[in-house]
Amino acid sequence: MTTKKLIPHLEKELGKINFGMFLRVARKSQELTQVTMAKKLDMAKGTLCDIEKGRQTISPELAFKIARKCGLSEIVAVQLAIQDQLTKSKLNFKVKLAA
């Protein structure tokens, strides 16, 4: 099953998925600490923590760069980053991207 098809199944089981959750699960599945992942992404550990906890939204461009550095689905990362921005703005839209 591709990552893109996995998101709806995860949301059915866990509720709404955001970029921070996506990144945290990816980090843990690679058995990396926040310190190691932050170094890999060239950012402060506190920034990574804020992103993972959903306290900081990121741009689609940064989501793309993070996904590329981590070997994650770029489409899913960008989709979740845009969805987070819409949610933060209290706009009730659902994002679906295609390459």
Protein backbone atom coordinates (compact mmCIF):
# COMPACT_ATOMS: atom_id res chain seq x y z
CA MET A 1 0.00 0.00 0.00
CA THR A 2 1.41 3.40 -0.92
CA THR A 3 1.73 6.19 1.63
CA LYS A 4 -0.88 8.18 -0.29
CA LYS A 5 -3.43 5.37 0.11
CA LEU A 6 -2.41 4.79 3.72
CA ILE A 7 -3.50 8.25 4.96
CA PRO A 8 -7.28 7.63 4.66
CA HIS A 9 -6.92 4.33 6.53
CA LEU A 10 -4.87 5.96 9.27
CA GLU A 11 -7.38 8.80 9.61
CA LYS A 12 -10.19 6.28 9.93
CA GLU A 13 -8.39 4.61 12.83
CA LEU A 14 -6.66 7.57 14.49
CA GLY A 15 -8.55 10.68 13.44
CA LYS A 16 -7.17 13.60 11.49
CA ILE A 17 -3.51 13.29 10.49
CA ASN A 18 -1.33 16.39 10.34
CA PHE A 19 2.20 17.02 9.08
CA GLY A 20 3.67 16.87 12.57
CA MET A 21 2.22 13.42 13.22
CA PHE A 22 3.46 12.26 9.82
CA LEU A 23 6.98 13.49 10.57
CA ARG A 24 7.04 12.08 14.12
CA VAL A 25 5.96 8.62 12.95
CA ALA A 26 8.54 8.73 10.14
CA ARG A 27 11.26 9.72 12.61
CA LYS A 28 10.35 7.00 15.07
CA SER A 29 10.09 4.36 12.33
CA GLN A 30 13.67 5.25 11.37
CA GLU A 31 14.58 4.94 15.08
CA LEU A 32 15.95 8.49 15.21
CA THR A 33 15.88 10.81 18.20
CA GLN A 34 14.63 14.36 17.83
CA VAL A 35 18.23 15.57 18.18
CA THR A 36 19.44 13.31 15.35
CA MET A 37 16.50 14.18 13.10
CA ALA A 38 16.90 17.90 13.77
CA LYS A 39 20.57 17.68 12.74
CA LYS A 40 19.60 15.75 9.61
CA LEU A 41 17.10 18.50 8.75
CA ASP A 42 19.46 21.31 9.77
CA MET A 43 17.05 22.79 12.31
CA ALA A 44 16.89 23.28 16.06
CA LYS A 45 15.51 20.42 18.13
CA GLY A 46 12.92 22.82 19.58
CA THR A 47 11.70 23.69 16.10
CA LEU A 48 11.35 20.00 15.24
CA CYS A 49 9.48 19.42 18.50
CA ASP A 50 7.10 22.31 17.74
CA ILE A 51 6.43 20.92 14.24
CA GLU A 52 5.82 17.40 15.55
CA LYS A 53 3.46 18.67 18.26
CA GLY A 54 1.53 20.80 15.75
CA ARG A 55 2.49 24.06 17.46
CA GLN A 56 4.21 25.28 14.30
CA THR A 57 2.86 24.92 10.79
CA ILE A 58 5.29 24.88 7.90
CA SER A 59 5.19 25.98 4.30
CA PRO A 60 4.56 23.49 1.51
CA GLU A 61 8.10 24.24 0.28
CA LEU A 62 9.65 23.27 3.63
CA ALA A 63 7.44 20.16 3.82
CA PHE A 64 8.74 19.14 0.40
CA LYS A 65 12.38 19.67 1.45
CA ILE A 66 11.88 17.72 4.70
CA ALA A 67 10.21 14.83 2.85
CA ARG A 68 13.01 14.71 0.30
CA LYS A 69 15.74 14.69 2.99
CA CYS A 70 13.93 11.94 4.92
CA GLY A 71 12.93 9.80 1.95
CA LEU A 72 9.22 10.35 2.56
CA SER A 73 6.37 10.94 0.14
CA GLU A 74 6.69 14.52 -1.06
CA ILE A 75 3.08 14.64 -2.22
CA VAL A 76 1.74 13.52 1.16
CA ALA A 77 4.04 15.93 3.02
CA VAL A 78 2.96 18.93 0.93
CA GLN A 79 -0.69 17.89 1.11
CA LEU A 80 -0.56 17.69 4.91
CA ALA A 81 1.29 21.02 5.21
CA ILE A 82 -1.36 22.78 3.09
CA GLN A 83 -4.15 21.05 5.03
CA ASP A 84 -2.59 22.23 8.31
CA GLN A 85 -2.55 25.82 7.04
CA LEU A 86 -6.21 25.61 6.02
CA THR A 87 -7.17 24.09 9.36
CA LYS A 88 -5.28 26.81 11.24
CA SER A 89 -7.17 29.41 9.18
CA LYS A 90 -10.46 27.69 10.11
CA LEU A 91 -11.23 27.05 6.44
CA ASN A 92 -13.17 23.85 6.05
CA PHE A 93 -11.56 22.52 2.87
CA LYS A 94 -9.99 19.14 2.11
CA VAL A 95 -6.77 19.04 0.09
CA LYS A 96 -5.90 16.33 -2.44
CA LEU A 97 -2.78 16.68 -4.55
CA ALA A 98 -1.66 14.86 -7.65
CA ALA A 99 1.75 14.93 -9.29
